[in-house]
Amino acid sequence: MNFTRWSARLPGTQRRAAARTDRGSVPAARGEYERQPDPVTDVPALEDLSVREILGELPALVALVYGPEHRVAYVNDAYTTAFGPRPLGATAAESCPELAQLGLFPLLDQVLRSGTSRTVKSRKIQQRAQAEGARNEKSGASAAPRGEGSYTVTCTPVDCRGTGGVLIFAADVTDHAEAAERLRTSERRHRQTAVTLQRSLLPQELEQPDDLRVAATYQPGGADAAVGGDWYDVITLGAGRTALVIGDVMGRGVRAAAVMGQLRTAVRAYARLDLPPHEVLQLLDGLASEIDASQIATCVYAVHDPNEGRLVYASAGHLPILVRAEDGTVERAEEPTGPPLGTGGWIHTSGSIALPPGSTAVLYTDGLVERRGEDIDEGVASLERALSGAKGSPQVVCDRLIRSLGVTADHDDDVAVLVLQHPARKGQDAELFHNAALDLLGGIEAAPRARAFATGVLASWRFPVELRDLGVLATSELVANSLQHGTPPMRLRLRRTDRRLIIEVTDGDDHLPRRRRAEPVDEAGRGISIVATIASSWGSRRTPGGGKAVWCEFALPH
């Protein structure tokens, strides 16, 4: 490129020039119409314009530097307006501090050495206030000058004065950069709103069952990842039983968080019905399609019964529960798994997996194990390996699993992990947990045997006299209710933990009792009301295979 003259010519330049000469050789007679210039045909020849004239009219900032010291050969008017006049022949390091602010000197050296153009985008720099004011006036903006602009700069190698030079072309992209920053600010605000909503809809403090130790962790995705609909919950059902749930709404942003909140609320409501896990998911499936038919969710709902030592669970398209035994072996709960919630048309079923004392179970969402370009089974296998060596409290296990799976603050998906442990109680701690059971045989004479059994057991557990009397009274009423309205087989179970006394009676009839108001003349119907009055809580549920269980609890004195 020659800086003083364009060497290229447009096709047809000579023809247009000859035509203009021919037309202009005939002078117009006095009074005749004088031809006006035609803006289409009377185009000035490109060779008639100098490079200086062209660059001087450009709104972009243009400067030419030459030599290894990058001495200034030229700056156009826009450059002078933005940064002030620059002495020609001076080195750019001395006379052009704006180039240092843009970080261009290493780039200029690279362009000189390589002979290829380089571009840097949206570099911020302080500029003269009058330049900002002129730009605002030209664009019609009413804002006061800010004194800071953003430029995209292209450096092109040229031949200048017989030595290597660099043509610097800086386009003002301040408006674009500010619009992009406003968009990023809006996205950050939207994300923060979604994160705040997500965290507010998760349990602020987990319920702590008597027989389990639980901990959970939720970590939103990185700044470039939209917040999802992961959630978890722990729900005490009464009689020592505990429901554990984890799920993931397949969506992003505030909408996913809102759907998650509705599903979590519905799970807690359905859990109070003390239904089997598959029936809870069946109800959730119908509700999910009513909330938003365009969004589906995966979910695992599990129930732990300390009397059974197992987790009974149902899964709607969710990843399998993992259980680590005390010796470090890990078992995967494979079956059964139905489709995600909201798809409809599926009959969910329940499965079970052993949770003996000393074991640890992990429920998690796909953000923990799913990686781009990898099969998700590989991620689950990695989690199994990490769990096999994870020891400590549930919170320690949570943290170790997240670190082992490589989840960081910049992770591309949100992650929820729920860890529960069934501790192996030994020594003095084991003395606070006892069970006793009696089969109710022989018809009506089973009632006095049950009262005598309860009296002896509660005395052996060294309860205060008042609590023993209340426990015997509740036992008598529950057994009488079962003998009158239930069918064999009947069984009385007494259980104590470090926090409560639990009395439970099971029988073969599946009609659940209801608390009702007995009239003064009624001879029956007061048993459940008496139990509800003297106990801390009471309830009933249907048992697998038919029948029911009616229970009540008494809180132990501190």
Protein backbone atom coordinates (compact mmCIF):
# COMPACT_ATOMS: atom_id res chain seq x y z
CA MET A 1 0.00 0.00 0.00
CA ASN A 2 1.29 3.53 -0.91
CA PHE A 3 0.24 6.05 1.71
CA THR A 4 0.17 9.09 -0.70
CA ARG A 5 -1.67 7.64 -3.70
CA TRP A 6 -4.17 4.86 -4.44
CA SER A 7 -2.75 2.54 -7.13
CA ALA A 8 -5.99 0.72 -7.97
CA ARG A 9 -8.51 1.94 -10.54
CA LEU A 10 -12.14 1.07 -10.83
CA PRO A 11 -13.25 -0.59 -14.11
CA GLY A 12 -14.54 2.00 -16.64
CA THR A 13 -12.85 5.02 -15.06
CA GLN A 14 -11.38 6.23 -18.35
CA ARG A 15 -14.71 5.85 -20.17
CA ARG A 16 -16.55 7.93 -17.59
CA ALA A 17 -13.82 10.57 -17.68
CA ALA A 18 -13.96 10.75 -21.51
CA ALA A 19 -17.72 11.07 -21.42
CA ARG A 20 -17.53 13.93 -18.97
CA THR A 21 -14.92 15.70 -21.17
CA ASP A 22 -17.06 15.25 -24.28
CA ARG A 23 -20.18 16.60 -22.65
CA GLY A 24 -18.34 19.53 -21.17
CA SER A 25 -16.68 20.60 -24.51
CA VAL A 26 -19.91 22.17 -25.92
CA PRO A 27 -20.57 25.48 -24.10
CA ALA A 28 -24.21 26.27 -23.38
CA ALA A 29 -25.70 29.07 -25.42
CA ARG A 30 -27.06 32.14 -23.69
CA GLY A 31 -30.54 31.41 -22.42
CA GLU A 32 -30.25 27.69 -23.04
CA TYR A 33 -30.83 25.26 -20.21
CA GLU A 34 -27.60 24.52 -18.39
CA ARG A 35 -27.22 20.84 -17.51
CA GLN A 36 -27.05 20.15 -13.78
CA PRO A 37 -24.47 17.65 -12.42
CA ASP A 38 -25.76 14.07 -12.37
CA PRO A 39 -25.02 12.43 -9.00
CA VAL A 40 -25.04 9.02 -10.71
CA THR A 41 -22.84 9.61 -13.76
CA ASP A 42 -20.70 12.47 -12.47
CA VAL A 43 -18.89 10.33 -9.87
CA PRO A 44 -15.41 11.69 -9.03
CA ALA A 45 -12.65 9.33 -10.09
CA LEU A 46 -11.11 7.47 -7.21
CA GLU A 47 -7.65 8.46 -8.36
CA ASP A 48 -8.63 12.10 -7.91
CA LEU A 49 -8.85 11.56 -4.13
CA SER A 50 -5.81 11.21 -1.91
CA VAL A 51 -5.53 8.78 0.92
CA ARG A 52 -5.22 11.72 3.31
CA GLU A 53 -8.55 13.13 2.13
CA ILE A 54 -10.28 9.78 2.49
CA LEU A 55 -8.88 8.97 5.94
CA GLY A 56 -9.49 12.51 7.12
CA GLU A 57 -13.23 12.18 6.49
CA LEU A 58 -13.59 8.84 8.26
CA PRO A 59 -15.46 8.91 11.61
CA ALA A 60 -13.15 6.17 12.86
CA LEU A 61 -9.84 6.96 14.51
CA VAL A 62 -6.89 6.44 12.17
CA ALA A 63 -3.19 6.74 12.91
CA LEU A 64 -0.07 5.67 11.04
CA VAL A 65 3.16 4.77 12.80
CA TYR A 66 6.41 3.59 11.25
CA GLY A 67 9.70 2.06 12.23
CA PRO A 68 10.60 -0.13 15.16
CA GLU A 69 10.05 2.82 17.54
CA HIS A 70 6.56 3.37 16.13
CA ARG A 71 7.01 7.01 15.25
CA VAL A 72 3.86 8.96 14.36
CA ALA A 73 3.44 9.67 10.65
CA TYR A 74 -0.24 10.65 10.59
CA VAL A 75 -3.40 10.99 12.68
CA ASN A 76 -6.78 11.93 11.22
CA ASP A 77 -9.20 14.56 12.49
CA ALA A 78 -11.30 12.04 14.44
CA TYR A 79 -8.19 10.86 16.27
CA THR A 80 -7.22 14.46 17.08
CA THR A 81 -10.74 15.17 18.36
CA ALA A 82 -10.67 12.13 20.62
CA PHE A 83 -7.17 12.40 22.05
CA GLY A 84 -5.77 15.75 20.93
CA PRO A 85 -3.07 16.61 18.37
CA ARG A 86 -0.01 14.39 18.16
CA PRO A 87 3.41 15.65 17.00
CA LEU A 88 4.54 13.95 13.80
CA GLY A 89 7.85 12.13 14.02
CA ALA A 90 7.59 11.59 17.79
CA THR A 91 7.56 8.06 19.15
CA ALA A 92 4.16 6.68 20.02
CA ALA A 93 5.39 5.71 23.49
CA GLU A 94 6.08 9.40 24.24
CA SER A 95 3.25 11.13 22.42
CA CYS A 96 0.40 8.59 22.35
CA PRO A 97 -0.37 7.37 25.89
CA GLU A 98 -3.77 6.17 24.67
CA LEU A 99 -2.04 3.38 22.73
CA ALA A 100 -0.50 2.16 25.99
CA GLN A 101 -3.93 2.28 27.67
CA LEU A 102 -5.31 0.17 24.84
CA GLY A 103 -2.41 -2.27 25.28
CA LEU A 104 -1.39 -1.94 21.62
CA PHE A 105 2.41 -1.73 21.77
CA PRO A 106 2.96 -5.53 21.98
CA LEU A 107 0.42 -5.88 19.17
CA LEU A 108 2.24 -3.31 16.99
CA ASP A 109 5.52 -5.20 17.45
CA GLN A 110 3.78 -8.46 16.52
CA VAL A 111 2.23 -6.94 13.37
CA LEU A 112 5.61 -5.56 12.26
CA ARG A 113 7.31 -8.93 12.76
CA SER A 114 4.60 -11.15 11.25
CA GLY A 115 3.34 -8.88 8.49
CA THR A 116 -0.26 -9.88 9.26
CA SER A 117 -3.14 -7.84 10.61
CA ARG A 118 -4.36 -8.18 14.17
CA THR A 119 -7.59 -7.01 15.86
CA VAL A 120 -8.54 -6.43 19.50
CA LYS A 121 -12.15 -5.88 20.48
CA SER A 122 -13.91 -3.55 22.91
CA ARG A 123 -10.91 -2.04 24.67
CA LYS A 124 -11.87 0.70 27.15
CA ILE A 125 -9.95 3.96 27.33
CA GLN A 126 -10.29 7.47 28.74
CA GLN A 127 -10.83 10.04 26.02
CA ARG A 128 -11.21 13.78 25.87
CA ALA A 129 -14.58 15.03 27.14
CA GLN A 130 -15.27 17.10 24.02
CA ALA A 131 -15.06 13.92 21.91
CA GLU A 132 -17.70 12.26 24.05
CA GLY A 133 -19.85 15.35 23.87
CA ALA A 134 -19.55 15.44 20.10
CA ARG A 135 -20.47 11.78 19.85
CA ASN A 136 -23.53 12.28 22.07
CA GLU A 137 -24.57 15.33 20.08
CA LYS A 138 -24.22 13.44 16.81
CA SER A 139 -26.24 10.49 18.09
CA GLY A 140 -28.87 12.69 19.74
CA ALA A 141 -28.10 11.36 23.21
CA SER A 142 -28.82 13.71 26.10
CA ALA A 143 -26.50 12.05 28.59
CA ALA A 144 -23.55 14.03 29.91
CA PRO A 145 -20.09 13.14 28.54
CA ARG A 146 -18.61 10.20 30.35
CA GLY A 147 -14.99 10.58 29.28
CA GLU A 148 -14.62 6.84 28.62
CA GLY A 149 -14.99 5.04 25.33
CA SER A 150 -14.67 1.55 23.92
CA TYR A 151 -12.86 0.82 20.68
CA THR A 152 -12.28 -2.14 18.44
CA VAL A 153 -8.80 -1.68 16.96
CA THR A 154 -7.33 -3.25 13.82
CA CYS A 155 -3.61 -2.93 13.14
CA THR A 156 -2.56 -3.51 9.50
CA PRO A 157 1.04 -3.63 8.20
CA VAL A 158 1.86 -1.00 5.49
CA ASP A 159 4.93 0.34 3.67
CA CYS A 160 5.54 3.85 4.99
CA ARG A 161 8.52 6.05 3.97
CA GLY A 162 10.44 3.04 2.82
CA THR A 163 10.22 1.28 6.14
CA GLY A 164 7.73 -0.97 7.90
CA GLY A 165 4.69 0.77 9.32
CA VAL A 166 1.37 -0.01 10.93
CA LEU A 167 -1.97 1.56 10.11
CA ILE A 168 -4.09 1.77 13.27
CA PHE A 169 -7.85 1.80 12.67
CA ALA A 170 -10.01 2.23 15.79
CA ALA A 171 -13.80 1.99 15.50
CA ASP A 172 -15.84 3.55 18.31
CA VAL A 173 -18.04 0.75 19.74
CA THR A 174 -18.92 2.54 22.98
CA ASP A 175 -22.67 2.35 22.39
CA HIS A 176 -22.45 -1.35 21.51
CA ALA A 177 -20.24 -2.08 24.51
CA GLU A 178 -22.58 -0.21 26.85
CA ALA A 179 -25.58 -2.07 25.44
CA ALA A 180 -23.75 -5.37 25.94
CA GLU A 181 -22.87 -4.38 29.50
CA ARG A 182 -26.50 -3.47 30.20
CA LEU A 183 -27.53 -6.85 28.84
CA ARG A 184 -24.97 -8.62 31.03
CA THR A 185 -26.16 -6.63 34.04
CA SER A 186 -29.75 -7.58 33.27
CA GLU A 187 -28.79 -11.24 32.90
CA ARG A 188 -26.89 -11.15 36.20
CA ARG A 189 -29.89 -9.57 37.90
CA HIS A 190 -32.22 -12.17 36.38
CA ARG A 191 -29.87 -14.95 37.47
CA GLN A 192 -29.59 -13.56 40.98
CA THR A 193 -33.38 -13.37 41.18
CA ALA A 194 -33.64 -17.00 40.10
CA VAL A 195 -30.94 -18.10 42.58
CA THR A 196 -32.65 -16.20 45.40
CA LEU A 197 -36.01 -17.74 44.50
CA GLN A 198 -34.44 -21.19 44.21
CA ARG A 199 -32.76 -20.99 47.61
CA SER A 200 -35.86 -19.57 49.28
CA LEU A 201 -37.93 -22.51 48.00
CA LEU A 202 -35.45 -25.08 49.33
CA PRO A 203 -35.67 -26.09 52.99
CA GLN A 204 -33.84 -23.53 55.10
CA GLU A 205 -33.13 -26.17 57.71
CA LEU A 206 -33.49 -29.90 57.24
CA GLU A 207 -35.66 -31.91 59.60
CA GLN A 208 -33.48 -34.27 61.63
CA PRO A 209 -35.07 -37.71 62.16
CA ASP A 210 -34.33 -39.69 65.32
CA ASP A 211 -32.79 -42.64 63.49
CA LEU A 212 -30.98 -40.92 60.64
CA ARG A 213 -28.37 -38.26 60.17
CA VAL A 214 -28.95 -36.14 57.07
CA ALA A 215 -27.25 -33.30 55.22
CA ALA A 216 -27.80 -31.68 51.84
CA THR A 217 -25.98 -29.30 49.53
CA TYR A 218 -27.25 -27.17 46.67
CA GLN A 219 -24.81 -25.40 44.36
CA PRO A 220 -26.07 -23.29 41.44
CA GLY A 221 -24.22 -23.41 38.15
CA GLY A 222 -21.53 -20.89 37.23
CA ALA A 223 -22.16 -17.33 36.07
CA ASP A 224 -22.72 -18.49 32.48
CA ALA A 225 -25.22 -21.20 33.47
CA ALA A 226 -28.88 -20.47 34.09
CA VAL A 227 -30.31 -21.62 37.39
CA GLY A 228 -32.25 -24.87 37.14
CA GLY A 229 -35.00 -26.51 39.17
CA ASP A 230 -33.10 -28.89 41.47
CA TRP A 231 -34.63 -29.50 44.88
CA TYR A 232 -34.54 -31.83 47.88
CA ASP A 233 -36.45 -32.31 51.12
CA VAL A 234 -36.59 -34.38 54.30
CA ILE A 235 -40.04 -35.00 55.82
CA THR A 236 -40.70 -36.74 59.13
CA LEU A 237 -43.84 -38.85 58.77
CA GLY A 238 -44.33 -39.94 62.37
CA ALA A 239 -43.77 -43.25 64.13
CA GLY A 240 -40.07 -42.90 63.33
CA ARG A 241 -40.57 -43.02 59.57
CA THR A 242 -38.92 -40.46 57.30
CA ALA A 243 -39.52 -39.43 53.68
CA LEU A 244 -36.60 -38.26 51.56
CA VAL A 245 -37.08 -36.65 48.18
CA ILE A 246 -34.88 -35.15 45.47
CA GLY A 247 -35.89 -33.90 42.04
CA ASP A 248 -34.93 -31.83 39.03
CA VAL A 249 -37.23 -29.71 36.87
CA MET A 250 -35.98 -29.85 33.28
CA GLY A 251 -35.75 -26.15 32.61
CA ARG A 252 -33.84 -23.00 33.48
CA GLY A 253 -34.47 -19.69 35.15
CA VAL A 254 -37.25 -18.32 37.31
CA ARG A 255 -39.92 -20.48 35.67
CA ALA A 256 -38.10 -23.71 36.51
CA ALA A 257 -37.58 -22.52 40.09
CA ALA A 258 -41.27 -21.64 40.41
CA VAL A 259 -42.37 -25.06 39.12
CA MET A 260 -39.91 -26.68 41.50
CA GLY A 261 -41.44 -24.78 44.42
CA GLN A 262 -44.93 -25.99 43.52
CA LEU A 263 -43.78 -29.59 43.22
CA ARG A 264 -41.93 -29.47 46.53
CA THR A 265 -45.00 -28.06 48.27
CA ALA A 266 -47.16 -30.78 46.71
CA VAL A 267 -44.71 -33.49 47.83
CA ARG A 268 -44.92 -32.30 51.43
CA ALA A 269 -48.73 -32.29 51.26
CA TYR A 270 -48.90 -35.78 49.73
CA ALA A 271 -46.33 -37.07 52.22
CA ARG A 272 -48.67 -36.16 55.08
CA LEU A 273 -51.10 -38.70 53.66
CA ASP A 274 -48.42 -41.31 54.42
CA LEU A 275 -48.94 -43.01 51.07
CA PRO A 276 -46.56 -45.55 49.52
CA PRO A 277 -43.82 -43.91 47.37
CA HIS A 278 -45.32 -44.99 44.04
CA GLU A 279 -48.70 -43.47 44.94
CA VAL A 280 -47.04 -40.18 45.83
CA LEU A 281 -45.35 -40.10 42.42
CA GLN A 282 -48.62 -41.00 40.73
CA LEU A 283 -50.24 -37.93 42.29
CA LEU A 284 -47.24 -35.75 41.41
CA ASP A 285 -47.36 -36.94 37.81
CA GLY A 286 -50.86 -35.63 37.35
CA LEU A 287 -50.07 -32.37 39.14
CA ALA A 288 -46.92 -31.73 37.07
CA SER A 289 -48.87 -31.81 33.82
CA GLU A 290 -51.42 -29.38 35.27
CA ILE A 291 -48.75 -26.93 36.46
CA ASP A 292 -47.00 -26.69 33.08
CA ALA A 293 -47.46 -29.29 30.38
CA SER A 294 -44.31 -28.05 28.61
CA GLN A 295 -42.02 -28.85 31.53
CA ILE A 296 -41.26 -32.25 32.97
CA ALA A 297 -39.33 -33.22 36.07
CA THR A 298 -37.47 -36.20 37.46
CA CYS A 299 -37.91 -37.24 41.07
CA VAL A 300 -37.08 -39.93 43.62
CA TYR A 301 -39.31 -40.34 46.67
CA ALA A 302 -38.07 -42.72 49.37
CA VAL A 303 -39.32 -43.71 52.83
CA HIS A 304 -37.17 -45.07 55.64
CA ASP A 305 -38.81 -47.20 58.32
CA PRO A 306 -36.47 -47.98 61.25
CA ASN A 307 -38.42 -51.15 62.00
CA GLU A 308 -37.68 -52.52 58.52
CA GLY A 309 -34.11 -51.28 58.01
CA ARG A 310 -34.79 -50.53 54.32
CA LEU A 311 -35.44 -47.66 51.96
CA VAL A 312 -38.69 -48.11 50.04
CA TYR A 313 -38.57 -45.83 47.00
CA ALA A 314 -40.13 -44.95 43.66
CA SER A 315 -38.34 -43.16 40.83
CA ALA A 316 -39.73 -41.01 38.02
CA GLY A 317 -36.91 -40.88 35.49
CA HIS A 318 -34.31 -40.01 38.12
CA LEU A 319 -30.80 -41.32 38.66
CA PRO A 320 -30.42 -44.35 40.97
CA ILE A 321 -29.92 -44.12 44.73
CA LEU A 322 -26.49 -45.28 45.88
CA VAL A 323 -25.98 -47.03 49.24
CA ARG A 324 -22.56 -47.53 50.79
CA ALA A 325 -22.29 -50.34 53.32
CA GLU A 326 -20.13 -50.08 56.41
CA ASP A 327 -17.34 -52.05 54.69
CA GLY A 328 -17.20 -49.60 51.75
CA THR A 329 -19.07 -51.62 49.13
CA VAL A 330 -21.57 -49.58 47.10
CA GLU A 331 -24.93 -50.87 45.86
CA ARG A 332 -27.02 -49.20 43.20
CA ALA A 333 -30.82 -49.13 43.42
CA GLU A 334 -31.56 -50.04 39.81
CA GLU A 335 -35.27 -50.78 39.71
CA PRO A 336 -37.95 -49.73 39.30
CA THR A 337 -37.71 -46.47 37.30
CA GLY A 338 -40.62 -44.90 35.44
CA PRO A 339 -40.72 -41.94 33.04
CA PRO A 340 -40.36 -38.34 34.32
CA LEU A 341 -43.22 -36.52 35.99
CA GLY A 342 -45.60 -34.77 33.62
CA THR A 343 -45.52 -37.39 30.87
CA GLY A 344 -48.62 -39.25 32.10
CA GLY A 345 -49.91 -42.68 31.19
CA TRP A 346 -47.56 -44.65 33.44
CA ILE A 347 -48.30 -46.72 36.55
CA HIS A 348 -45.39 -46.21 38.96
CA THR A 349 -44.20 -48.99 41.25
CA SER A 350 -42.09 -49.08 44.40
CA GLY A 351 -38.84 -50.90 45.05
CA SER A 352 -36.61 -51.21 48.09
CA ILE A 353 -32.95 -51.32 49.03
CA ALA A 354 -31.37 -52.31 52.35
CA LEU A 355 -30.14 -49.54 54.66
CA PRO A 356 -28.60 -51.39 57.61
CA PRO A 357 -26.89 -49.67 60.55
CA GLY A 358 -23.57 -48.13 59.49
CA SER A 359 -24.66 -47.52 55.89
CA THR A 360 -24.84 -44.28 53.91
CA ALA A 361 -27.26 -43.45 51.09
CA VAL A 362 -26.83 -40.70 48.48
CA LEU A 363 -29.56 -39.05 46.41
CA TYR A 364 -28.38 -36.56 43.76
CA THR A 365 -29.27 -34.70 40.57
CA ASP A 366 -27.69 -35.10 37.15
CA GLY A 367 -25.50 -32.00 37.53
CA LEU A 368 -23.25 -34.03 39.82
CA VAL A 369 -22.49 -36.82 37.33
CA GLU A 370 -23.35 -35.58 33.84
CA ARG A 371 -20.52 -34.23 31.66
CA ARG A 372 -20.56 -33.16 28.03
CA GLY A 373 -19.12 -35.79 25.74
CA GLU A 374 -19.38 -38.56 28.37
CA ASP A 375 -21.98 -41.22 28.99
CA ILE A 376 -23.88 -40.50 32.19
CA ASP A 377 -23.26 -44.07 33.39
CA GLU A 378 -19.56 -43.19 33.53
CA GLY A 379 -20.42 -40.31 35.83
CA VAL A 380 -22.49 -42.56 38.09
CA ALA A 381 -19.61 -45.04 38.20
CA SER A 382 -17.26 -42.21 39.21
CA LEU A 383 -19.67 -41.28 41.98
CA GLU A 384 -19.72 -44.88 43.20
CA ARG A 385 -15.93 -44.90 43.43
CA ALA A 386 -15.92 -41.58 45.28
CA LEU A 387 -18.63 -42.78 47.69
CA SER A 388 -16.80 -46.02 48.49
CA GLY A 389 -14.01 -44.02 50.12
CA ALA A 390 -16.12 -41.23 51.61
CA LYS A 391 -16.29 -41.33 55.40
CA GLY A 392 -17.34 -38.87 58.06
CA SER A 393 -20.50 -36.96 58.82
CA PRO A 394 -23.18 -36.52 56.13
CA GLN A 395 -22.03 -32.94 55.45
CA VAL A 396 -18.43 -34.09 55.09
CA VAL A 397 -19.55 -36.77 52.63
CA CYS A 398 -21.51 -34.15 50.64
CA ASP A 399 -18.46 -31.92 50.34
CA ARG A 400 -16.14 -34.80 49.44
CA LEU A 401 -18.43 -36.05 46.68
CA ILE A 402 -18.73 -32.60 45.13
CA ARG A 403 -14.95 -32.15 45.17
CA SER A 404 -14.29 -35.66 43.87
CA LEU A 405 -16.64 -35.17 40.92
CA GLY A 406 -14.93 -31.89 39.98
CA VAL A 407 -17.84 -29.57 40.70
CA THR A 408 -16.56 -25.99 41.03
CA ALA A 409 -18.08 -22.52 41.18
CA ASP A 410 -17.91 -22.39 37.36
CA HIS A 411 -19.79 -25.67 36.88
CA ASP A 412 -22.17 -25.61 33.90
CA ASP A 413 -25.16 -27.05 35.78
CA ASP A 414 -26.68 -26.77 39.22
CA VAL A 415 -26.16 -29.63 41.65
CA ALA A 416 -28.19 -30.99 44.56
CA VAL A 417 -26.94 -33.76 46.85
CA LEU A 418 -28.77 -35.38 49.78
CA VAL A 419 -26.81 -37.71 52.08
CA LEU A 420 -28.36 -39.81 54.86
CA GLN A 421 -26.65 -42.14 57.30
CA HIS A 422 -28.12 -44.89 59.45
CA PRO A 423 -25.64 -44.82 62.34
CA ALA A 424 -24.51 -47.99 64.03
CA ARG A 425 -25.23 -47.13 67.66
CA LYS A 426 -22.96 -48.58 70.31
CA GLY A 427 -22.39 -48.24 74.02
CA GLN A 428 -24.33 -45.63 75.95
CA ASP A 429 -25.90 -44.23 72.77
CA ALA A 430 -27.46 -47.62 72.02
CA GLU A 431 -29.18 -47.63 75.44
CA LEU A 432 -31.40 -44.77 74.24
CA PHE A 433 -32.91 -46.85 71.40
CA HIS A 434 -35.09 -49.86 72.22
CA ASN A 435 -37.88 -51.88 70.61
CA ALA A 436 -40.48 -54.22 72.10
CA ALA A 437 -43.38 -56.00 70.40
CA LEU A 438 -46.35 -58.20 71.39
CA ASP A 439 -48.67 -60.22 69.16
CA LEU A 440 -52.29 -59.57 70.21
CA LEU A 441 -53.87 -63.03 70.29
CA GLY A 442 -56.98 -64.45 71.93
CA GLY A 443 -59.60 -61.78 71.26
CA ILE A 444 -60.81 -59.43 73.98
CA GLU A 445 -58.48 -60.84 76.65
CA ALA A 446 -55.57 -59.37 74.62
CA ALA A 447 -56.35 -55.92 76.05
CA PRO A 448 -55.25 -56.59 79.66
CA ARG A 449 -52.18 -58.45 78.37
CA ALA A 450 -51.27 -55.41 76.27
CA ARG A 451 -51.64 -53.07 79.27
CA ALA A 452 -49.47 -55.34 81.42
CA PHE A 453 -46.88 -55.62 78.67
CA ALA A 454 -46.74 -51.83 78.21
CA THR A 455 -46.47 -51.26 81.97
CA GLY A 456 -43.50 -53.61 82.30
CA VAL A 457 -41.66 -52.35 79.22
CA LEU A 458 -42.04 -48.65 80.05
CA ALA A 459 -40.89 -49.31 83.60
CA SER A 460 -37.81 -51.15 82.32
CA TRP A 461 -37.01 -48.17 80.14
CA ARG A 462 -37.04 -46.05 83.32
CA PHE A 463 -39.55 -43.50 82.14
CA PRO A 464 -41.10 -41.09 84.67
CA VAL A 465 -44.30 -42.31 86.28
CA GLU A 466 -46.45 -39.72 84.55
CA LEU A 467 -45.13 -40.70 81.12
CA ARG A 468 -45.59 -44.40 81.93
CA ASP A 469 -49.21 -43.82 82.88
CA LEU A 470 -49.91 -41.84 79.70
CA GLY A 471 -48.19 -44.51 77.62
CA VAL A 472 -50.27 -47.31 79.19
CA LEU A 473 -53.48 -45.30 78.64
CA ALA A 474 -52.64 -44.69 74.97
CA THR A 475 -51.76 -48.36 74.53
CA SER A 476 -55.09 -49.40 76.03
CA GLU A 477 -57.09 -47.11 73.74
CA LEU A 478 -55.23 -48.09 70.55
CA VAL A 479 -55.53 -51.82 71.33
CA ALA A 480 -59.22 -51.46 72.17
CA ASN A 481 -59.81 -49.62 68.90
CA SER A 482 -58.05 -52.36 66.95
CA LEU A 483 -59.92 -55.16 68.76
CA GLN A 484 -63.26 -53.50 68.07
CA HIS A 485 -62.78 -52.35 64.48
CA GLY A 486 -59.83 -54.34 63.13
CA THR A 487 -59.14 -57.89 62.11
CA PRO A 488 -56.24 -60.26 62.85
CA PRO A 489 -53.32 -60.37 62.76
CA MET A 490 -52.83 -57.68 65.41
CA ARG A 491 -49.56 -56.52 66.87
CA LEU A 492 -48.44 -53.96 69.46
CA ARG A 493 -45.04 -52.32 69.02
CA LEU A 494 -43.36 -50.02 71.54
CA ARG A 495 -40.30 -48.07 70.55
CA ARG A 496 -38.16 -45.48 72.24
CA THR A 497 -35.53 -43.16 70.76
CA ASP A 498 -33.43 -40.48 72.35
CA ARG A 499 -36.30 -38.03 71.78
CA ARG A 500 -39.65 -39.79 71.89
CA LEU A 501 -41.78 -42.80 72.84
CA ILE A 502 -43.67 -44.37 69.93
CA ILE A 503 -46.68 -46.68 70.38
CA GLU A 504 -48.04 -48.45 67.29
CA VAL A 505 -50.78 -51.05 66.76
CA THR A 506 -51.25 -52.86 63.46
CA ASP A 507 -54.12 -55.06 62.27
CA GLY A 508 -55.47 -56.60 59.09
CA ASP A 509 -58.27 -54.11 58.37
CA ASP A 510 -57.45 -51.21 56.01
CA HIS A 511 -60.12 -48.73 57.17
CA LEU A 512 -58.30 -45.79 58.76
CA PRO A 513 -59.74 -44.35 61.96
CA ARG A 514 -60.83 -40.71 62.13
CA ARG A 515 -61.03 -38.43 65.09
CA ARG A 516 -64.65 -37.42 65.63
CA ARG A 517 -66.69 -35.60 68.18
CA ALA A 518 -68.54 -38.08 70.43
CA GLU A 519 -71.95 -37.08 71.76
CA PRO A 520 -72.60 -37.31 75.53
CA VAL A 521 -74.87 -40.30 75.03
CA ASP A 522 -72.36 -42.21 72.87
CA GLU A 523 -70.84 -45.23 74.54
CA ALA A 524 -67.89 -45.43 72.07
CA GLY A 525 -65.94 -43.23 69.72
CA ARG A 526 -63.76 -41.46 72.27
CA GLY A 527 -60.60 -43.60 72.03
CA ILE A 528 -58.86 -41.72 69.21
CA SER A 529 -59.85 -38.37 70.73
CA ILE A 530 -58.28 -39.40 74.03
CA VAL A 531 -55.09 -40.46 72.27
CA ALA A 532 -54.96 -37.22 70.27
CA THR A 533 -55.38 -35.22 73.48
CA ILE A 534 -52.70 -36.86 75.60
CA ALA A 535 -50.08 -37.62 72.90
CA SER A 536 -47.73 -35.19 71.16
CA SER A 537 -48.95 -36.47 67.77
CA TRP A 538 -50.84 -39.38 66.27
CA GLY A 539 -51.64 -40.80 62.86
CA SER A 540 -52.51 -43.81 60.77
CA ARG A 541 -51.49 -45.35 57.47
CA ARG A 542 -52.17 -48.37 55.34
CA THR A 543 -49.52 -51.07 55.42
CA PRO A 544 -48.13 -52.99 52.42
CA GLY A 545 -50.12 -56.12 51.67
CA GLY A 546 -53.28 -54.80 53.35
CA GLY A 547 -54.12 -53.65 56.85
CA LYS A 548 -53.29 -50.49 58.73
CA ALA A 549 -51.10 -49.07 61.46
CA VAL A 550 -52.31 -46.57 64.08
CA TRP A 551 -49.64 -44.82 66.13
CA CYS A 552 -49.00 -42.05 68.61
CA GLU A 553 -45.89 -40.33 69.98
CA PHE A 554 -44.87 -38.80 73.29
CA ALA A 555 -41.97 -36.36 73.46
CA LEU A 556 -39.45 -37.35 76.14
CA PRO A 557 -38.54 -34.81 78.80
CA HIS A 558 -35.13 -33.21 78.32
